[in-house]
Amino acid sequence: MKLLSIIGLTMLLTACGVTQSQQEEPSMSIFNQATAQVEEEPFILKLISDKEQYKVGEKLAIRAELIYEGEESAINIAHGGSWLFLETTNLTEDYHFGAAMNEPLIYTKITKGQPLVEDYGFSGGAYIEGQGGKPYSEELFQQMAKMNFPPGQYEIKAITHFGIDEIIGDIYKLEAKIIFEVIE
C-alpha cells in the first residue's frame, strides 16, 4: 500500500510540473497549462503559459519566474539589460525571432523564495537569408508586436544568464521552453 501511495504521489507531482531533474522538456499539465522548469542549484527558472491554446486576437498569458532557494535570505544577481531573454519561434512557418539586449551591468536583488517575474512580450526579430522560414511582412510583424499572433504553433524560450554579485566564477545560464498553439 505504501508503494502505491509513493507512485501516486510521484505521478501527481509530475503532472503538476514538479520535478527534481536538472532540465525538463515542455509539458502540458492536467490543468491545461504549458509549463517548463529548469533547476541549477540554488536557482529555478520556470516558464508558464496559462493555456496550451489561444484564439487569434486573444492576449497571451505567459510569464517567466526566477526563484532563488539558497542559504542567504537575499542576494544580488548581475546581468545585462534584463535578467531574462524571451525568444519566439513560429514552428508552423519555421521562423525564429531572436532576442537582443543592451549590455550594461545591472544588479537585481532576489529574495529567497520570492520569484522575479517577467511577463512575455514579443521581442521581434529579423529575417536572415538562409535561416529558414519566410520573412514576415511589416504589417504581420506589427500585429505580433501587439501580441496578436496568427494561427500556428509557437515555441517560447526563456534564457537567463547572470552572475552572483561580482564573483566571476559563479555564472548561471538556465533555459526553459514551452510550446503553445494559436487557432482561428
C-alpha atoms as a PDB file:
ATOM      1  CA  MET A   1       0.000   0.000   0.000  1.00  0.00           C
ATOM      2  CA  LYS A   2       2.846   2.377   0.857  1.00  0.00           C
ATOM      3  CA  LEU A   3       4.426   1.742  -2.575  1.00  0.00           C
ATOM      4  CA  LEU A   4       1.128   2.631  -4.289  1.00  0.00           C
ATOM      5  CA  SER A   5       0.967   5.909  -2.315  1.00  0.00           C
ATOM      6  CA  ILE A   6       4.507   6.823  -3.368  1.00  0.00           C
ATOM      7  CA  ILE A   7       3.759   6.001  -7.016  1.00  0.00           C
ATOM      8  CA  GLY A   8       0.515   8.017  -6.867  1.00  0.00           C
ATOM      9  CA  LEU A   9       2.262  10.998  -5.302  1.00  0.00           C
ATOM     10  CA  THR A  10       5.055  10.829  -7.889  1.00  0.00           C
ATOM     11  CA  MET A  11       2.506  10.782 -10.727  1.00  0.00           C
ATOM     12  CA  LEU A  12       0.618  13.744  -9.227  1.00  0.00           C
ATOM     13  CA  LEU A  13       3.779  15.792  -8.740  1.00  0.00           C
ATOM     14  CA  THR A  14       4.908  15.003 -12.280  1.00  0.00           C
ATOM     15  CA  ALA A  15       1.514  16.013 -13.713  1.00  0.00           C
ATOM     16  CA  CYS A  16       1.672  19.304 -11.816  1.00  0.00           C
ATOM     17  CA  GLY A  17       5.081  20.103 -13.267  1.00  0.00           C
ATOM     18  CA  VAL A  18       7.080  19.430 -10.085  1.00  0.00           C
ATOM     19  CA  THR A  19      10.421  17.866 -10.894  1.00  0.00           C
ATOM     20  CA  GLN A  20      13.782  17.255  -9.357  1.00  0.00           C
ATOM     21  CA  SER A  21      15.554  16.892 -12.670  1.00  0.00           C
ATOM     22  CA  GLN A  22      18.124  19.344 -13.957  1.00  0.00           C
ATOM     23  CA  GLN A  23      16.121  20.105 -17.108  1.00  0.00           C
ATOM     24  CA  GLU A  24      12.585  19.361 -18.167  1.00  0.00           C
ATOM     25  CA  GLU A  25      11.068  19.186 -21.620  1.00  0.00           C
ATOM     26  CA  PRO A  26       7.996  21.345 -22.292  1.00  0.00           C
ATOM     27  CA  SER A  27       4.956  19.717 -20.750  1.00  0.00           C
ATOM     28  CA  MET A  28       1.224  20.097 -20.869  1.00  0.00           C
ATOM     29  CA  SER A  29      -0.236  19.568 -17.414  1.00  0.00           C
ATOM     30  CA  ILE A  30      -3.632  18.312 -16.341  1.00  0.00           C
ATOM     31  CA  PHE A  31      -4.518  21.938 -15.606  1.00  0.00           C
ATOM     32  CA  ASN A  32      -4.429  22.897 -19.324  1.00  0.00           C
ATOM     33  CA  GLN A  33      -1.248  24.869 -18.792  1.00  0.00           C
ATOM     34  CA  ALA A  34       2.039  24.694 -20.692  1.00  0.00           C
ATOM     35  CA  THR A  35       4.945  24.736 -18.219  1.00  0.00           C
ATOM     36  CA  ALA A  36       8.669  24.098 -18.162  1.00  0.00           C
ATOM     37  CA  GLN A  37      11.069  24.181 -15.231  1.00  0.00           C
ATOM     38  CA  VAL A  38      14.851  24.070 -15.109  1.00  0.00           C
ATOM     39  CA  GLU A  39      16.945  23.898 -11.957  1.00  0.00           C
ATOM     40  CA  GLU A  40      20.561  24.758 -11.285  1.00  0.00           C
ATOM     41  CA  GLU A  41      21.059  24.994  -7.543  1.00  0.00           C
ATOM     42  CA  PRO A  42      20.232  27.310  -5.929  1.00  0.00           C
ATOM     43  CA  PHE A  43      18.025  28.655  -8.778  1.00  0.00           C
ATOM     44  CA  ILE A  44      14.843  27.536 -10.515  1.00  0.00           C
ATOM     45  CA  LEU A  45      13.662  29.008 -13.820  1.00  0.00           C
ATOM     46  CA  LYS A  46      10.001  28.451 -14.696  1.00  0.00           C
ATOM     47  CA  LEU A  47       8.241  29.333 -17.937  1.00  0.00           C
ATOM     48  CA  ILE A  48       4.455  29.204 -17.689  1.00  0.00           C
ATOM     49  CA  SER A  49       1.628  29.733 -20.154  1.00  0.00           C
ATOM     50  CA  ASP A  50      -1.817  29.869 -18.587  1.00  0.00           C
ATOM     51  CA  LYS A  51      -3.149  27.979 -21.612  1.00  0.00           C
ATOM     52  CA  GLU A  52      -1.932  25.454 -24.175  1.00  0.00           C
ATOM     53  CA  GLN A  53      -4.113  27.017 -26.854  1.00  0.00           C
ATOM     54  CA  TYR A  54      -5.104  30.614 -27.595  1.00  0.00           C
ATOM     55  CA  LYS A  55      -7.504  32.042 -30.170  1.00  0.00           C
ATOM     56  CA  VAL A  56      -6.354  34.591 -32.745  1.00  0.00           C
ATOM     57  CA  GLY A  57      -6.538  38.023 -31.090  1.00  0.00           C
ATOM     58  CA  GLU A  58      -6.516  36.611 -27.558  1.00  0.00           C
ATOM     59  CA  LYS A  59      -3.889  38.047 -25.200  1.00  0.00           C
ATOM     60  CA  LEU A  60      -1.095  35.592 -24.440  1.00  0.00           C
ATOM     61  CA  ALA A  61      -0.732  34.910 -20.709  1.00  0.00           C
ATOM     62  CA  ILE A  62       2.893  33.741 -20.495  1.00  0.00           C
ATOM     63  CA  ARG A  63       5.437  34.544 -17.803  1.00  0.00           C
ATOM     64  CA  ALA A  64       8.876  33.548 -16.606  1.00  0.00           C
ATOM     65  CA  GLU A  65       9.868  33.220 -12.967  1.00  0.00           C
ATOM     66  CA  LEU A  66      13.341  33.027 -11.456  1.00  0.00           C
ATOM     67  CA  ILE A  67      13.379  31.638  -7.915  1.00  0.00           C
ATOM     68  CA  TYR A  68      16.336  31.631  -5.519  1.00  0.00           C
ATOM     69  CA  GLU A  69      16.405  28.861  -2.910  1.00  0.00           C
ATOM     70  CA  GLY A  70      19.875  29.251  -1.470  1.00  0.00           C
ATOM     71  CA  GLU A  71      21.111  29.779   2.082  1.00  0.00           C
ATOM     72  CA  GLU A  72      21.149  33.586   2.145  1.00  0.00           C
ATOM     73  CA  SER A  73      17.912  35.496   2.727  1.00  0.00           C
ATOM     74  CA  ALA A  74      18.623  37.603  -0.378  1.00  0.00           C
ATOM     75  CA  ILE A  75      21.389  38.036  -2.960  1.00  0.00           C
ATOM     76  CA  ASN A  76      22.177  40.288  -5.905  1.00  0.00           C
ATOM     77  CA  ILE A  77      22.462  38.872  -9.399  1.00  0.00           C
ATOM     78  CA  ALA A  78      24.499  40.717 -12.036  1.00  0.00           C
ATOM     79  CA  HIS A  79      23.195  40.696 -15.615  1.00  0.00           C
ATOM     80  CA  GLY A  80      22.791  42.693 -18.830  1.00  0.00           C
ATOM     81  CA  GLY A  81      19.829  44.985 -19.562  1.00  0.00           C
ATOM     82  CA  SER A  82      17.402  42.387 -18.169  1.00  0.00           C
ATOM     83  CA  TRP A  83      17.739  39.162 -16.214  1.00  0.00           C
ATOM     84  CA  LEU A  84      15.728  37.440 -18.973  1.00  0.00           C
ATOM     85  CA  PHE A  85      15.691  36.902 -22.752  1.00  0.00           C
ATOM     86  CA  LEU A  86      12.440  35.646 -24.309  1.00  0.00           C
ATOM     87  CA  GLU A  87      12.774  34.210 -27.832  1.00  0.00           C
ATOM     88  CA  THR A  88       9.865  33.227 -30.076  1.00  0.00           C
ATOM     89  CA  THR A  89       9.797  30.597 -32.827  1.00  0.00           C
ATOM     90  CA  ASN A  90       6.856  30.078 -35.150  1.00  0.00           C
ATOM     91  CA  LEU A  91       7.130  26.290 -35.522  1.00  0.00           C
ATOM     92  CA  THR A  92       4.460  26.196 -38.242  1.00  0.00           C
ATOM     93  CA  GLU A  93       6.384  28.575 -40.509  1.00  0.00           C
ATOM     94  CA  ASP A  94       9.858  27.611 -39.180  1.00  0.00           C
ATOM     95  CA  TYR A  95      10.773  31.202 -38.363  1.00  0.00           C
ATOM     96  CA  HIS A  96      12.748  32.330 -35.316  1.00  0.00           C
ATOM     97  CA  PHE A  97      12.502  35.716 -33.614  1.00  0.00           C
ATOM     98  CA  GLY A  98      15.687  36.195 -31.602  1.00  0.00           C
ATOM     99  CA  ALA A  99      16.091  38.478 -28.617  1.00  0.00           C
ATOM    100  CA  ALA A 100      18.556  41.329 -28.327  1.00  0.00           C
ATOM    101  CA  MET A 101      19.630  43.171 -25.220  1.00  0.00           C
ATOM    102  CA  ASN A 102      21.838  46.101 -24.357  1.00  0.00           C
ATOM    103  CA  GLU A 103      24.764  45.159 -22.160  1.00  0.00           C
ATOM    104  CA  PRO A 104      25.078  47.463 -19.151  1.00  0.00           C
ATOM    105  CA  LEU A 105      25.885  45.673 -15.916  1.00  0.00           C
ATOM    106  CA  ILE A 106      22.796  45.774 -13.719  1.00  0.00           C
ATOM    107  CA  TYR A 107      22.243  44.276 -10.283  1.00  0.00           C
ATOM    108  CA  THR A 108      18.892  42.847  -9.240  1.00  0.00           C
ATOM    109  CA  LYS A 109      18.096  41.768  -5.695  1.00  0.00           C
ATOM    110  CA  ILE A 110      16.401  38.395  -5.450  1.00  0.00           C
ATOM    111  CA  THR A 111      14.910  37.281  -2.129  1.00  0.00           C
ATOM    112  CA  LYS A 112      14.824  33.626  -1.158  1.00  0.00           C
ATOM    113  CA  GLY A 113      11.504  32.043  -2.111  1.00  0.00           C
ATOM    114  CA  GLN A 114      10.136  35.182  -3.833  1.00  0.00           C
ATOM    115  CA  PRO A 115      10.268  34.846  -7.629  1.00  0.00           C
ATOM    116  CA  LEU A 116      11.357  37.536 -10.027  1.00  0.00           C
ATOM    117  CA  VAL A 117       8.514  37.590 -12.558  1.00  0.00           C
ATOM    118  CA  GLU A 118       8.620  38.792 -16.160  1.00  0.00           C
ATOM    119  CA  ASP A 119       5.569  38.713 -18.416  1.00  0.00           C
ATOM    120  CA  TYR A 120       6.136  37.616 -22.014  1.00  0.00           C
ATOM    121  CA  GLY A 121       6.464  40.358 -24.581  1.00  0.00           C
ATOM    122  CA  PHE A 122       7.189  39.805 -28.262  1.00  0.00           C
ATOM    123  CA  SER A 123      10.740  40.978 -28.878  1.00  0.00           C
ATOM    124  CA  GLY A 124      10.760  40.887 -32.663  1.00  0.00           C
ATOM    125  CA  GLY A 125      13.454  39.566 -34.905  1.00  0.00           C
ATOM    126  CA  ALA A 126      14.887  39.998 -38.343  1.00  0.00           C
ATOM    127  CA  TYR A 127      14.890  37.831 -41.428  1.00  0.00           C
ATOM    128  CA  ILE A 128      18.332  36.428 -42.221  1.00  0.00           C
ATOM    129  CA  GLU A 129      18.937  34.932 -45.666  1.00  0.00           C
ATOM    130  CA  GLY A 130      19.293  31.158 -45.389  1.00  0.00           C
ATOM    131  CA  GLN A 131      17.896  31.000 -41.856  1.00  0.00           C
ATOM    132  CA  GLY A 132      14.777  29.133 -42.931  1.00  0.00           C
ATOM    133  CA  GLY A 133      11.171  30.138 -42.860  1.00  0.00           C
ATOM    134  CA  LYS A 134       9.797  33.035 -44.805  1.00  0.00           C
ATOM    135  CA  PRO A 135      10.083  36.661 -43.785  1.00  0.00           C
ATOM    136  CA  TYR A 136       7.042  38.330 -42.330  1.00  0.00           C
ATOM    137  CA  SER A 137       5.579  41.498 -43.745  1.00  0.00           C
ATOM    138  CA  GLU A 138       5.893  44.669 -41.713  1.00  0.00           C
ATOM    139  CA  GLU A 139       2.127  44.504 -41.136  1.00  0.00           C
ATOM    140  CA  LEU A 140       2.307  40.997 -39.663  1.00  0.00           C
ATOM    141  CA  PHE A 141       5.350  41.943 -37.597  1.00  0.00           C
ATOM    142  CA  GLN A 142       3.399  44.884 -36.088  1.00  0.00           C
ATOM    143  CA  GLN A 143       0.423  42.591 -35.437  1.00  0.00           C
ATOM    144  CA  MET A 144       2.665  40.201 -33.472  1.00  0.00           C
ATOM    145  CA  ALA A 145       4.271  43.117 -31.619  1.00  0.00           C
ATOM    146  CA  LYS A 146       0.741  43.899 -30.358  1.00  0.00           C
ATOM    147  CA  MET A 147       0.625  40.266 -29.109  1.00  0.00           C
ATOM    148  CA  ASN A 148      -1.935  39.291 -31.748  1.00  0.00           C
ATOM    149  CA  PHE A 149      -0.361  36.128 -33.163  1.00  0.00           C
ATOM    150  CA  PRO A 150      -1.564  34.472 -36.388  1.00  0.00           C
ATOM    151  CA  PRO A 151      -2.670  30.807 -36.308  1.00  0.00           C
ATOM    152  CA  GLY A 152       0.149  28.328 -35.777  1.00  0.00           C
ATOM    153  CA  GLN A 153       2.266  26.510 -33.255  1.00  0.00           C
ATOM    154  CA  TYR A 154       4.813  28.566 -31.292  1.00  0.00           C
ATOM    155  CA  GLU A 155       7.737  27.901 -29.008  1.00  0.00           C
ATOM    156  CA  ILE A 156       8.836  30.414 -26.392  1.00  0.00           C
ATOM    157  CA  LYS A 157      12.307  30.023 -24.922  1.00  0.00           C
ATOM    158  CA  ALA A 158      13.284  31.805 -21.706  1.00  0.00           C
ATOM    159  CA  ILE A 159      17.010  32.311 -21.186  1.00  0.00           C
ATOM    160  CA  THR A 160      18.600  33.788 -18.102  1.00  0.00           C
ATOM    161  CA  HIS A 161      22.341  34.394 -17.846  1.00  0.00           C
ATOM    162  CA  PHE A 162      23.761  36.068 -14.749  1.00  0.00           C
ATOM    163  CA  GLY A 163      26.455  36.086 -12.104  1.00  0.00           C
ATOM    164  CA  ILE A 164      26.281  36.386  -8.327  1.00  0.00           C
ATOM    165  CA  ASP A 165      27.313  39.880  -7.226  1.00  0.00           C
ATOM    166  CA  GLU A 166      30.710  40.473  -8.795  1.00  0.00           C
ATOM    167  CA  ILE A 167      32.037  36.932  -8.418  1.00  0.00           C
ATOM    168  CA  ILE A 168      33.464  35.925 -11.793  1.00  0.00           C
ATOM    169  CA  GLY A 169      33.369  32.170 -11.151  1.00  0.00           C
ATOM    170  CA  ASP A 170      29.663  31.810 -10.311  1.00  0.00           C
ATOM    171  CA  ILE A 171      27.898  32.237 -13.653  1.00  0.00           C
ATOM    172  CA  TYR A 172      24.467  30.706 -14.241  1.00  0.00           C
ATOM    173  CA  LYS A 173      22.716  30.093 -17.546  1.00  0.00           C
ATOM    174  CA  LEU A 174      19.302  28.464 -17.486  1.00  0.00           C
ATOM    175  CA  GLU A 175      16.948  27.857 -20.409  1.00  0.00           C
ATOM    176  CA  ALA A 176      13.338  26.675 -20.409  1.00  0.00           C
ATOM    177  CA  LYS A 177      10.894  26.403 -23.296  1.00  0.00           C
ATOM    178  CA  ILE A 178       7.196  25.842 -23.807  1.00  0.00           C
ATOM    179  CA  ILE A 179       5.024  25.218 -26.854  1.00  0.00           C
ATOM    180  CA  PHE A 180       1.530  26.587 -27.398  1.00  0.00           C
ATOM    181  CA  GLU A 181      -0.873  26.916 -30.300  1.00  0.00           C
ATOM    182  CA  VAL A 182      -2.895  29.788 -31.733  1.00  0.00           C
ATOM    183  CA  ILE A 183      -6.105  28.764 -33.519  1.00  0.00           C
ATOM    184  CA  GLU A 184      -8.851  30.547 -35.515  1.00  0.00           C
END
